[in-house]
Amino acid sequence: MANNEDIFKKIIAHCKEYGFIFQSSEIYDGLSAVYDYGQNGSELKNNIKKYWWDSMTRLNDNIVGIDAAIFMHPRTWEASGHVGAFNDPLIDNKDSKKRYRADVLIEEHLEKIEAKINKEVEKAAGRFGEKFDEKMFRQTNERVSGYQQKIDTTKARFVKALENNDLADVKQLIIDEEIVCPISGTKNWTDVRQFNLMFSTQLGSVSDEASTIYLRPETAQGIFVNFLNVQKTGRMKIPFGICQIGKAFRNEIVARQFIFRMREFEQMEMQFFVKPGTEMEWYNHWKEVRMRWHKSLGMGDEKYRFHDHDKLAHYANAAADIEFNLPMGFREIEGIHSRTDFDLGNHEKFSGKKIQYFDTELNKNYVPYVVETSIGVDRMFLSVISNAYTEEIVEGTGEERVVLKIPPVLAPVKLAVLPLTKKDGLPEKAREIMDKLKFDFNCQYEEKDSIGKRYRRQDAIGTPFCVTIDHQTLEDNTVTIRYRDTMQQERIPVDKLEFIMEEKVSMKKLLRTL
């Protein structure tokens, strides 16, 4: 684990050094759990968003996109359940004076038990070699089954306590499991309390007349309140979807792990409206489609897994997370939820307006059911950058290089154009090549330092291709192209550059694989 923590610290430092992510308001000592995306970070983030947006709106003729306002009528959040139920169970350690989410403390405790199981499995696999039957071992080994039983009973008790809002039993579970504060090492806990996560502000010019409104804690409600607007103006027929990308805000008391849990973050959400009774079919469909989208980026199929929810949100009848193996272990990057008719039904009730769909085939009105896919842009960004960060020894030289092996289609800079020297007409030729390609690909021109140093800088920001213009270029119109991951170089005609780039970094080509 220490090794993973070290890697995570290096990734965070790398993100700052190479213009991906900065601490917000850093010159004023920063703002906790709020971050700014730098010149390379914003390019990568925009590429992630474009790949998601195009996969939703271009590949599905029954999905359209909107951009709803951050401020919404306060009744929206009463209808959605956020005013009454959008809480985190928090607990304080009296010795360290630190505050923790009770559910996270328990989940991390269970992860430690899970790690013990994995250790036993690894030891047994080493002993038995090829004959090892992992499934049988997990079922029959007393120590492993004991650990598993401990996980199951603890989880069941925890879920029951949360469902019953029995905060006293949540605290008792922490005590019974002898969970200690990571800082003080003591079990001197306060009672568990619920904290609402919404930011409130005032709307109006005079404070006495101003009304309290909230910064939205999710983007989904902007879609639900516009259901009829989109359905009627777009003449949409069920099943159909509405998607949007936008900022959301949560007053996370325990915000941590870099951009994994922030107070201001960005979501990519799609709400798919279906006929009641068909929601599980569509829920399974979108689980499969969304997992395929993630795996299409080639970051390693084994890095992903589904996690089905034990405790469902108040609006859901099925829910699963797509988790990615980050430096701190498997963590949620996307959620797929079957939200039933909770949202539209409640908005109908609270607004007093009829929010229903007339089904011409059935010749009747009904409130549609909803299947949601919700992905955190920042978490997706973290999965890409964490997976890409590579330290390796260059064969033959013994030199270490740090390279970001970002999927080429998402890379901030697609092509670096590098004149070998700053004279003899090479910069002019390099600019000519760049001017041809810059309309289709984000290119970067660089002439300072040796060619080797420039290659290293491009490796560090994840540029998949470097093109070097030398004196031979002026003679035969060929350049040297260098490939980021292999560091191999080949001589190619300038006219072939556009074809190679289109082949390797085309979002269109990747979309066709979905």
Protein backbone atom coordinates (compact mmCIF):
# COMPACT_ATOMS: atom_id res chain seq x y z
CA MET A 1 0.00 0.00 0.00
CA ALA A 2 2.85 2.38 0.83
CA ASN A 3 4.12 1.92 -2.70
CA ASN A 4 0.72 2.86 -4.13
CA GLU A 5 0.59 5.91 -1.86
CA ASP A 6 4.02 6.97 -3.14
CA ILE A 7 2.85 6.56 -6.75
CA PHE A 8 -0.28 8.60 -6.01
CA LYS A 9 1.85 11.42 -4.56
CA LYS A 10 4.04 11.33 -7.68
CA ILE A 11 0.96 11.52 -9.93
CA ILE A 12 -0.32 14.56 -8.01
CA ALA A 13 3.09 16.27 -8.26
CA HIS A 14 3.32 15.39 -11.97
CA CYS A 15 -0.12 16.88 -12.62
CA LYS A 16 1.05 20.21 -11.20
CA GLU A 17 4.51 20.24 -12.78
CA TYR A 18 3.19 19.60 -16.30
CA GLY A 19 0.13 21.84 -16.35
CA PHE A 20 -2.66 19.34 -15.72
CA ILE A 21 -4.08 20.32 -12.31
CA PHE A 22 -3.37 23.17 -9.87
CA GLN A 23 -4.69 23.83 -6.37
CA SER A 24 -7.42 26.49 -6.59
CA SER A 25 -6.30 29.97 -5.43
CA GLU A 26 -2.85 28.62 -4.69
CA ILE A 27 -1.27 32.07 -4.25
CA TYR A 28 -3.62 32.51 -1.27
CA ASP A 29 -2.59 29.11 0.16
CA GLY A 30 -5.32 27.31 -1.76
CA LEU A 31 -8.90 26.27 -1.14
CA SER A 32 -9.39 22.78 0.26
CA ALA A 33 -10.76 20.14 -2.14
CA VAL A 34 -11.14 22.61 -5.03
CA TYR A 35 -8.87 22.36 -8.08
CA ASP A 36 -8.17 24.19 -11.34
CA TYR A 37 -7.36 22.38 -14.58
CA GLY A 38 -4.28 23.73 -16.36
CA GLN A 39 -3.53 23.98 -20.07
CA ASN A 40 -2.95 20.23 -20.55
CA GLY A 41 -5.55 19.17 -18.02
CA SER A 42 -8.32 21.18 -19.67
CA GLU A 43 -7.46 19.65 -23.07
CA LEU A 44 -7.59 16.11 -21.64
CA LYS A 45 -10.82 16.88 -19.80
CA ASN A 46 -12.43 18.32 -22.94
CA ASN A 47 -11.42 15.22 -24.92
CA ILE A 48 -13.03 12.95 -22.29
CA LYS A 49 -16.22 15.02 -22.44
CA LYS A 50 -16.29 15.02 -26.25
CA TYR A 51 -15.87 11.24 -26.41
CA TRP A 52 -18.75 10.78 -23.95
CA TRP A 53 -21.01 13.40 -25.58
CA ASP A 54 -20.52 12.06 -29.09
CA SER A 55 -21.03 8.45 -27.95
CA MET A 56 -24.39 9.48 -26.46
CA THR A 57 -25.78 11.96 -28.99
CA ARG A 58 -24.27 10.75 -32.28
CA LEU A 59 -24.50 7.00 -31.80
CA ASN A 60 -28.08 7.11 -30.47
CA ASP A 61 -30.67 8.93 -32.56
CA ASN A 62 -33.03 8.84 -29.56
CA ILE A 63 -30.68 10.72 -27.18
CA VAL A 64 -30.34 14.51 -27.19
CA GLY A 65 -28.34 16.89 -25.04
CA ILE A 66 -29.23 19.98 -23.01
CA ASP A 67 -27.42 22.48 -20.77
CA ALA A 68 -29.55 23.33 -17.73
CA ALA A 69 -28.86 26.15 -15.26
CA ILE A 70 -26.99 25.54 -12.01
CA PHE A 71 -29.54 27.58 -10.01
CA MET A 72 -32.97 25.97 -9.76
CA HIS A 73 -36.17 26.74 -7.88
CA PRO A 74 -35.71 25.55 -4.26
CA ARG A 75 -38.81 23.37 -4.48
CA THR A 76 -36.85 21.23 -6.98
CA TRP A 77 -34.66 19.93 -4.16
CA GLU A 78 -37.62 19.23 -1.89
CA ALA A 79 -39.20 17.15 -4.67
CA SER A 80 -35.94 15.29 -5.38
CA GLY A 81 -35.48 14.40 -1.70
CA HIS A 82 -32.20 16.30 -1.33
CA VAL A 83 -33.48 18.70 1.33
CA GLY A 84 -34.58 15.86 3.61
CA ALA A 85 -32.31 12.96 2.69
CA PHE A 86 -29.06 14.21 1.12
CA ASN A 87 -26.86 13.51 4.11
CA ASP A 88 -23.59 11.86 5.08
CA PRO A 89 -23.21 10.00 8.41
CA LEU A 90 -20.19 11.65 10.08
CA ILE A 91 -18.26 10.75 13.23
CA ASP A 92 -15.46 12.58 15.07
CA ASN A 93 -12.50 11.18 16.94
CA LYS A 94 -12.19 13.05 20.26
CA ASP A 95 -8.42 12.66 20.45
CA SER A 96 -7.34 13.65 16.92
CA LYS A 97 -10.29 16.08 16.49
CA LYS A 98 -10.63 14.68 12.96
CA ARG A 99 -13.99 14.03 11.27
CA TYR A 100 -14.71 10.95 9.16
CA ARG A 101 -17.55 9.55 7.11
CA ALA A 102 -18.76 6.55 9.13
CA ASP A 103 -19.55 4.56 5.98
CA VAL A 104 -16.02 5.11 4.63
CA LEU A 105 -14.45 3.95 7.93
CA ILE A 106 -16.47 0.73 7.78
CA GLU A 107 -15.82 0.17 4.05
CA GLU A 108 -12.06 0.60 4.57
CA HIS A 109 -12.21 -1.84 7.49
CA LEU A 110 -13.91 -4.40 5.23
CA GLU A 111 -11.29 -3.79 2.53
CA LYS A 112 -8.57 -4.72 5.04
CA ILE A 113 -10.34 -8.03 5.72
CA GLU A 114 -10.69 -8.54 1.95
CA ALA A 115 -6.94 -7.95 1.64
CA LYS A 116 -6.33 -10.73 4.17
CA ILE A 117 -8.40 -13.11 2.03
CA ASN A 118 -6.42 -12.14 -1.06
CA LYS A 119 -3.16 -12.75 0.82
CA GLU A 120 -4.29 -16.25 1.80
CA VAL A 121 -5.30 -16.95 -1.82
CA GLU A 122 -1.92 -15.72 -3.12
CA LYS A 123 -0.01 -17.90 -0.63
CA ALA A 124 -2.06 -20.96 -1.57
CA ALA A 125 -1.63 -20.27 -5.29
CA GLY A 126 2.12 -20.17 -4.73
CA ARG A 127 2.05 -23.51 -2.88
CA PHE A 128 -0.16 -25.44 -5.31
CA GLY A 129 0.95 -23.89 -8.61
CA GLU A 130 -1.05 -24.81 -11.72
CA LYS A 131 -3.26 -27.27 -9.83
CA PHE A 132 -4.64 -24.47 -7.65
CA ASP A 133 -8.45 -24.15 -7.74
CA GLU A 134 -9.14 -20.68 -6.37
CA LYS A 135 -12.93 -21.05 -6.26
CA MET A 136 -12.69 -24.30 -4.31
CA PHE A 137 -10.07 -22.84 -1.96
CA ARG A 138 -12.26 -19.83 -1.15
CA GLN A 139 -15.19 -22.12 -0.36
CA THR A 140 -13.33 -24.71 1.74
CA ASN A 141 -10.48 -22.92 3.53
CA GLU A 142 -11.60 -22.24 7.11
CA ARG A 143 -9.63 -19.05 7.55
CA VAL A 144 -10.87 -17.58 4.25
CA SER A 145 -14.50 -18.55 4.86
CA GLY A 146 -14.22 -17.06 8.36
CA TYR A 147 -13.00 -13.77 6.94
CA GLN A 148 -15.75 -13.82 4.31
CA GLN A 149 -18.42 -14.48 6.92
CA LYS A 150 -17.09 -11.53 8.91
CA ILE A 151 -17.39 -9.29 5.84
CA ASP A 152 -20.93 -10.50 5.06
CA THR A 153 -22.31 -10.11 8.59
CA THR A 154 -20.69 -6.70 9.11
CA LYS A 155 -21.98 -5.45 5.76
CA ALA A 156 -25.50 -6.75 6.42
CA ARG A 157 -25.61 -5.06 9.83
CA PHE A 158 -24.28 -1.80 8.39
CA VAL A 159 -26.82 -1.73 5.54
CA LYS A 160 -29.67 -2.43 7.94
CA ALA A 161 -28.53 0.35 10.29
CA LEU A 162 -28.38 2.87 7.43
CA GLU A 163 -31.75 1.82 6.02
CA ASN A 164 -33.32 2.27 9.47
CA ASN A 165 -31.37 5.50 10.03
CA ASP A 166 -30.10 3.84 13.23
CA LEU A 167 -27.03 6.04 13.75
CA ALA A 168 -26.47 4.61 17.24
CA ASP A 169 -25.95 1.15 15.77
CA VAL A 170 -23.60 2.56 13.12
CA LYS A 171 -21.46 3.91 15.98
CA GLN A 172 -21.78 0.61 17.88
CA LEU A 173 -20.64 -1.28 14.79
CA ILE A 174 -17.51 0.90 14.61
CA ILE A 175 -16.84 0.16 18.29
CA ASP A 176 -17.59 -3.59 17.97
CA GLU A 177 -15.25 -3.89 14.99
CA GLU A 178 -12.58 -2.03 16.99
CA ILE A 179 -12.07 0.50 14.20
CA VAL A 180 -9.50 3.09 15.24
CA CYS A 181 -8.81 6.64 14.07
CA PRO A 182 -6.05 6.49 11.42
CA ILE A 183 -4.34 9.51 13.06
CA SER A 184 -4.70 9.05 16.84
CA GLY A 185 -4.99 5.26 16.79
CA THR A 186 -7.76 5.47 19.43
CA LYS A 187 -11.40 4.34 19.53
CA ASN A 188 -12.61 7.46 21.33
CA TRP A 189 -15.53 8.29 19.02
CA THR A 190 -18.41 10.79 19.20
CA ASP A 191 -21.95 9.84 18.21
CA VAL A 192 -22.70 9.58 14.47
CA ARG A 193 -24.58 12.57 13.04
CA GLN A 194 -26.10 13.38 9.66
CA PHE A 195 -24.89 16.44 7.70
CA ASN A 196 -26.67 17.83 4.64
CA LEU A 197 -24.28 18.24 1.73
CA MET A 198 -25.97 21.05 -0.23
CA PHE A 199 -24.46 24.53 -0.50
CA SER A 200 -27.04 27.27 0.07
CA THR A 201 -26.94 30.88 -1.11
CA GLN A 202 -29.26 33.89 -1.43
CA LEU A 203 -31.05 34.91 -4.61
CA GLY A 204 -32.20 38.54 -4.66
CA SER A 205 -30.75 42.01 -4.29
CA VAL A 206 -31.89 42.78 -0.74
CA SER A 207 -31.04 40.20 1.93
CA ASP A 208 -34.43 40.61 3.67
CA GLU A 209 -36.28 39.80 0.46
CA ALA A 210 -33.83 37.20 -0.83
CA SER A 211 -34.86 33.57 -0.98
CA THR A 212 -32.60 30.67 -0.08
CA ILE A 213 -31.59 28.59 -3.07
CA TYR A 214 -29.00 25.86 -3.53
CA LEU A 215 -26.08 25.14 -5.79
CA ARG A 216 -27.17 21.95 -7.51
CA PRO A 217 -25.68 18.77 -5.97
CA GLU A 218 -26.27 16.84 -9.22
CA THR A 219 -27.14 17.66 -12.82
CA ALA A 220 -29.98 15.12 -13.17
CA GLN A 221 -32.78 17.36 -11.85
CA GLY A 222 -32.19 19.88 -14.64
CA ILE A 223 -33.04 17.07 -17.04
CA PHE A 224 -36.15 15.96 -15.16
CA VAL A 225 -37.72 19.43 -14.93
CA ASN A 226 -37.14 19.84 -18.69
CA PHE A 227 -38.59 16.43 -19.58
CA LEU A 228 -41.76 17.80 -21.22
CA ASN A 229 -39.93 20.72 -22.90
CA VAL A 230 -37.52 18.36 -24.65
CA GLN A 231 -40.09 15.66 -25.36
CA LYS A 232 -42.54 18.04 -27.01
CA THR A 233 -40.11 20.30 -28.89
CA GLY A 234 -38.05 17.33 -30.08
CA ARG A 235 -41.14 15.17 -30.75
CA MET A 236 -39.38 12.41 -28.83
CA LYS A 237 -40.89 8.95 -28.50
CA ILE A 238 -40.24 6.64 -25.57
CA PRO A 239 -37.69 5.14 -25.10
CA PHE A 240 -35.47 8.23 -25.36
CA GLY A 241 -32.70 9.90 -23.42
CA ILE A 242 -31.59 13.36 -22.39
CA CYS A 243 -27.97 13.96 -21.47
CA GLN A 244 -25.93 16.86 -20.16
CA ILE A 245 -22.48 17.77 -18.88
CA GLY A 246 -22.22 20.26 -16.06
CA LYS A 247 -20.87 21.37 -12.70
CA ALA A 248 -22.30 20.13 -9.42
CA PHE A 249 -21.47 21.11 -5.85
CA ARG A 250 -21.40 19.16 -2.59
CA ASN A 251 -20.23 20.39 0.78
CA GLU A 252 -18.12 17.31 1.41
CA ILE A 253 -16.98 17.45 5.02
CA VAL A 254 -14.33 14.82 4.37
CA ALA A 255 -13.06 15.68 0.89
CA ARG A 256 -9.85 13.87 0.03
CA GLN A 257 -7.83 11.76 -2.39
CA PHE A 258 -7.01 14.62 -4.77
CA ILE A 259 -9.73 15.07 -7.43
CA PHE A 260 -11.56 11.88 -6.45
CA ARG A 261 -13.81 13.67 -3.94
CA MET A 262 -14.21 17.40 -4.42
CA ARG A 263 -16.62 20.15 -3.44
CA GLU A 264 -16.95 21.44 -7.00
CA PHE A 265 -16.94 18.77 -9.68
CA GLU A 266 -18.29 17.94 -13.11
CA GLN A 267 -20.75 15.24 -14.13
CA MET A 268 -21.77 13.62 -17.42
CA GLU A 269 -25.28 12.28 -16.93
CA MET A 270 -27.85 10.66 -19.18
CA GLN A 271 -31.44 9.99 -18.13
CA PHE A 272 -33.17 7.38 -20.30
CA PHE A 273 -36.98 7.44 -20.16
CA VAL A 274 -38.70 4.08 -20.61
CA LYS A 275 -42.07 2.39 -20.37
CA PRO A 276 -42.79 1.09 -16.82
CA GLY A 277 -42.01 -2.62 -16.63
CA THR A 278 -39.15 -2.42 -19.15
CA GLU A 279 -36.71 -0.63 -16.83
CA MET A 280 -34.64 -3.72 -15.85
CA GLU A 281 -34.12 -4.64 -19.49
CA TRP A 282 -32.81 -1.11 -20.17
CA TYR A 283 -30.83 -1.07 -16.92
CA ASN A 284 -28.91 -4.18 -18.04
CA HIS A 285 -28.53 -2.73 -21.53
CA TRP A 286 -26.91 0.47 -20.24
CA LYS A 287 -24.66 -1.42 -17.83
CA GLU A 288 -23.25 -3.32 -20.80
CA VAL A 289 -23.01 -0.25 -23.08
CA ARG A 290 -21.25 1.88 -20.47
CA MET A 291 -18.72 -0.82 -19.58
CA ARG A 292 -17.96 -1.23 -23.29
CA TRP A 293 -17.35 2.54 -23.57
CA HIS A 294 -14.79 2.43 -20.76
CA LYS A 295 -13.00 -0.65 -22.04
CA SER A 296 -12.82 0.77 -25.58
CA LEU A 297 -10.07 3.14 -24.38
CA GLY A 298 -7.71 0.19 -24.01
CA MET A 299 -6.62 0.86 -20.43
CA GLY A 300 -6.95 -2.83 -19.49
CA ASP A 301 -10.21 -4.77 -19.13
CA GLU A 302 -9.03 -6.23 -15.82
CA LYS A 303 -8.93 -2.70 -14.32
CA TYR A 304 -12.75 -2.52 -14.34
CA ARG A 305 -15.44 -4.28 -12.37
CA PHE A 306 -19.13 -3.91 -11.49
CA HIS A 307 -20.17 -3.35 -7.89
CA ASP A 308 -23.88 -3.91 -7.22
CA HIS A 309 -25.29 -1.77 -4.41
CA ASP A 310 -26.35 -3.39 -1.15
CA LYS A 311 -28.12 -0.26 0.06
CA LEU A 312 -30.22 1.45 -2.62
CA ALA A 313 -30.92 5.16 -2.75
CA HIS A 314 -34.47 6.22 -1.89
CA TYR A 315 -35.34 6.58 -5.59
CA ALA A 316 -33.81 3.35 -7.00
CA ASN A 317 -34.88 -0.26 -7.52
CA ALA A 318 -31.49 -1.33 -8.92
CA ALA A 319 -28.05 0.26 -8.87
CA ALA A 320 -24.49 -0.67 -9.82
CA ASP A 321 -21.17 1.12 -10.00
CA ILE A 322 -18.46 0.72 -12.58
CA GLU A 323 -15.26 0.71 -10.52
CA PHE A 324 -11.72 1.30 -11.75
CA ASN A 325 -8.53 0.14 -10.05
CA LEU A 326 -6.99 3.44 -8.92
CA PRO A 327 -3.81 3.73 -6.80
CA MET A 328 -6.02 3.57 -3.68
CA GLY A 329 -7.84 0.45 -4.93
CA PHE A 330 -11.09 -0.12 -6.83
CA ARG A 331 -13.27 3.00 -6.67
CA GLU A 332 -16.48 4.14 -8.34
CA ILE A 333 -16.15 6.21 -11.52
CA GLU A 334 -19.68 5.72 -12.91
CA GLY A 335 -23.08 4.75 -11.57
CA ILE A 336 -25.96 3.10 -13.43
CA HIS A 337 -29.30 3.39 -11.63
CA SER A 338 -32.87 2.37 -12.24
CA ARG A 339 -34.61 5.40 -10.69
CA THR A 340 -38.24 4.16 -11.24
CA ASP A 341 -40.77 7.03 -11.63
CA PHE A 342 -39.61 8.70 -8.43
CA ASP A 343 -38.25 11.90 -9.97
CA LEU A 344 -40.92 12.73 -12.54
CA GLY A 345 -43.64 11.55 -10.14
CA ASN A 346 -42.41 13.80 -7.34
CA HIS A 347 -41.95 16.82 -9.62
CA GLU A 348 -45.53 16.29 -10.81
CA LYS A 349 -46.70 16.24 -7.19
CA PHE A 350 -44.65 19.22 -5.96
CA SER A 351 -45.20 21.43 -9.03
CA GLY A 352 -48.88 20.64 -9.49
CA LYS A 353 -48.18 20.25 -13.22
CA LYS A 354 -48.99 17.09 -15.18
CA ILE A 355 -45.69 15.46 -16.21
CA GLN A 356 -46.73 12.44 -18.23
CA TYR A 357 -46.14 10.86 -21.60
CA PHE A 358 -48.98 9.92 -23.93
CA ASP A 359 -48.17 6.54 -25.44
CA THR A 360 -49.96 6.29 -28.80
CA GLU A 361 -49.42 2.53 -28.99
CA LEU A 362 -51.06 1.92 -25.61
CA ASN A 363 -53.42 4.89 -26.00
CA LYS A 364 -52.80 6.06 -22.43
CA ASN A 365 -50.78 8.49 -20.31
CA TYR A 366 -48.16 7.40 -17.80
CA VAL A 367 -45.20 8.73 -15.83
CA PRO A 368 -42.12 7.17 -17.48
CA TYR A 369 -39.53 5.20 -15.54
CA VAL A 370 -35.91 6.32 -15.74
CA VAL A 371 -32.58 4.53 -16.14
CA GLU A 372 -29.62 6.79 -15.36
CA THR A 373 -25.96 6.67 -16.27
CA SER A 374 -23.87 9.13 -14.27
CA ILE A 375 -20.11 9.50 -14.65
CA GLY A 376 -17.80 11.86 -12.79
CA VAL A 377 -15.61 13.73 -15.29
CA ASP A 378 -12.94 14.33 -12.64
CA ARG A 379 -12.90 10.68 -11.56
CA MET A 380 -12.68 9.62 -15.19
CA PHE A 381 -9.77 12.06 -15.59
CA LEU A 382 -8.08 10.52 -12.52
CA SER A 383 -8.50 7.00 -13.90
CA VAL A 384 -6.90 8.03 -17.22
CA ILE A 385 -3.97 9.90 -15.68
CA SER A 386 -3.32 7.26 -12.97
CA ASN A 387 -3.34 4.44 -15.49
CA ALA A 388 -1.13 6.43 -17.88
CA TYR A 389 1.60 7.40 -15.38
CA THR A 390 4.61 5.16 -16.08
CA GLU A 391 8.17 5.18 -14.81
CA GLU A 392 10.49 3.05 -16.91
CA ILE A 393 14.16 2.45 -17.65
CA VAL A 394 15.13 3.21 -21.25
CA GLU A 395 16.67 0.10 -22.76
CA GLY A 396 20.34 0.46 -23.63
CA THR A 397 20.88 3.74 -21.75
CA GLY A 398 19.82 2.91 -18.19
CA GLU A 399 18.12 6.31 -18.10
CA GLU A 400 14.73 6.63 -16.41
CA ARG A 401 11.87 8.33 -18.19
CA VAL A 402 8.43 9.31 -16.93
CA VAL A 403 5.80 8.94 -19.62
CA LEU A 404 2.03 9.37 -19.63
CA LYS A 405 0.65 6.57 -21.79
CA ILE A 406 -2.68 8.31 -22.27
CA PRO A 407 -4.97 6.73 -24.89
CA PRO A 408 -3.92 8.70 -28.02
CA VAL A 409 -7.49 9.76 -28.78
CA LEU A 410 -7.65 11.56 -25.40
CA ALA A 411 -4.09 12.96 -25.31
CA PRO A 412 -3.98 16.75 -24.77
CA VAL A 413 -1.41 17.25 -27.56
CA LYS A 414 -1.57 14.84 -30.48
CA LEU A 415 1.60 15.85 -32.32
CA ALA A 416 4.77 17.74 -31.37
CA VAL A 417 6.49 19.44 -34.31
CA LEU A 418 10.21 19.80 -33.58
CA PRO A 419 12.80 21.46 -35.86
CA LEU A 420 16.21 19.90 -35.18
CA THR A 421 17.85 23.34 -35.02
CA LYS A 422 16.66 26.94 -34.96
CA LYS A 423 18.33 27.84 -38.27
CA ASP A 424 18.79 26.86 -41.94
CA GLY A 425 15.07 27.17 -42.69
CA LEU A 426 14.06 24.25 -40.41
CA PRO A 427 11.72 26.33 -38.18
CA GLU A 428 9.96 27.67 -41.26
CA LYS A 429 9.47 24.17 -42.66
CA ALA A 430 8.24 22.97 -39.26
CA ARG A 431 5.70 25.82 -39.12
CA GLU A 432 4.52 24.94 -42.62
CA ILE A 433 3.86 21.32 -41.53
CA MET A 434 2.11 22.46 -38.36
CA ASP A 435 -0.09 24.92 -40.25
CA LYS A 436 -1.37 22.02 -42.39
CA LEU A 437 -2.22 19.77 -39.44
CA LYS A 438 -3.38 22.18 -36.72
CA PHE A 439 -6.95 22.42 -38.00
CA ASP A 440 -7.54 18.70 -37.38
CA PHE A 441 -5.16 17.92 -34.51
CA ASN A 442 -3.90 19.78 -31.45
CA CYS A 443 -0.22 20.30 -32.34
CA GLN A 444 2.59 21.85 -30.34
CA TYR A 445 5.65 23.56 -31.77
CA GLU A 446 8.86 23.42 -29.74
CA GLU A 447 12.42 24.42 -30.65
CA LYS A 448 14.15 25.04 -27.29
CA ASP A 449 16.75 22.56 -25.88
CA SER A 450 18.19 19.37 -27.36
CA ILE A 451 15.90 17.02 -29.25
CA GLY A 452 16.27 14.45 -26.45
CA LYS A 453 15.02 16.89 -23.79
CA ARG A 454 12.13 17.88 -26.00
CA TYR A 455 11.15 14.22 -26.44
CA ARG A 456 11.15 13.79 -22.64
CA ARG A 457 8.92 16.81 -22.14
CA GLN A 458 6.42 15.48 -24.68
CA ASP A 459 6.54 12.03 -23.02
CA ALA A 460 5.67 13.70 -19.72
CA ILE A 461 2.47 15.27 -21.09
CA GLY A 462 1.46 12.16 -23.04
CA THR A 463 1.99 13.35 -26.63
CA PRO A 464 1.69 10.18 -28.77
CA PHE A 465 3.76 11.43 -31.76
CA CYS A 466 6.79 13.66 -32.22
CA VAL A 467 7.89 14.75 -35.69
CA THR A 468 11.44 16.00 -36.22
CA ILE A 469 12.28 18.26 -39.14
CA ASP A 470 15.96 18.09 -40.19
CA HIS A 471 18.10 19.05 -43.19
CA GLN A 472 17.02 15.94 -45.10
CA THR A 473 13.43 17.20 -44.86
CA LEU A 474 14.36 20.16 -47.02
CA GLU A 475 15.79 17.79 -49.63
CA ASP A 476 13.18 15.01 -49.91
CA ASN A 477 10.19 16.23 -47.85
CA THR A 478 10.46 13.38 -45.31
CA VAL A 479 10.44 13.64 -41.50
CA THR A 480 11.29 11.40 -38.57
CA ILE A 481 8.22 10.34 -36.60
CA ARG A 482 8.77 9.04 -33.05
CA TYR A 483 6.21 6.90 -31.24
CA ARG A 484 5.71 7.70 -27.55
CA ASP A 485 5.16 4.23 -26.08
CA THR A 486 7.88 2.34 -27.97
CA MET A 487 10.24 5.29 -28.65
CA GLN A 488 10.75 3.77 -32.11
CA GLN A 489 11.43 6.15 -34.98
CA GLU A 490 10.80 5.90 -38.69
CA ARG A 491 11.29 8.07 -41.72
CA ILE A 492 8.09 8.97 -43.54
CA PRO A 493 6.99 11.42 -46.25
CA VAL A 494 5.33 14.59 -44.90
CA ASP A 495 2.27 13.76 -47.00
CA LYS A 496 1.73 10.56 -44.95
CA LEU A 497 1.57 12.40 -41.63
CA GLU A 498 -2.10 13.29 -41.82
CA PHE A 499 -3.05 9.68 -42.66
CA ILE A 500 -1.00 8.26 -39.74
CA MET A 501 -2.49 10.79 -37.32
CA GLU A 502 -6.04 10.11 -38.49
CA GLU A 503 -5.46 6.38 -38.11
CA LYS A 504 -4.06 6.59 -34.56
CA VAL A 505 -5.90 9.45 -32.84
CA SER A 506 -9.28 9.53 -34.59
CA MET A 507 -12.25 9.75 -32.24
CA LYS A 508 -14.45 8.80 -35.19
CA LYS A 509 -12.61 5.51 -35.56
CA LEU A 510 -12.96 4.76 -31.84
CA LEU A 511 -16.68 5.56 -31.87
CA ARG A 512 -17.14 3.01 -34.66
CA THR A 513 -15.91 0.25 -32.30
CA LEU A 514 -18.73 0.83 -29.81
